[in-house]
Amino acid sequence: QLQLVESGGGLVQPGGSLRLSCTASGASLDGYGIAWFRQAPEKARVGVSCLATSDGSTHYSDSAKGRFTISRDEVKNTVYLRMDKLLPEDTAVYYCAVGAVHCSQVVVSSPGWDVRYEYWGQGTQVTVSS
């Protein structure tokens, strides 16, 4: 059974950076699609970025493009989300998710794709505030 544990959230000032980690145990991430979602208070969970382990391709939501970077360390079985130039509107609980979902732009641009992911981390709070 694949288990995901996230870390790296916290309080940061606007313009600052954070790196979220999602470490998998129980199975390799090879062959899965990996994604980061976020959920702000009283809002639906939305896609931020995804990565295809098959070919390393990545996609980002419009709000994340140019500021966030998703990456993977195969040895550590860990996925990262590096977030730069953070804005107050980035405040949310961030979740990593793994499933048999092909990473594509629609995953991070359209609502409802979160239900297709089978495994989820517990979430980590990111607060951007001065």
Foldseek 3Di string as FASTA:
>chain_A
DKAWAKDWADEAAQQAKIKMKIFIPDDALAQKKKFKWWDDPPGDIATAKIAGNVPGDMEGEPVQPPFWDWDADRVRSMIMIIGGRDDQVVWTWMKMFIANDDDDHCRRHPPDNVVRTDYMYPTDTHGYHD
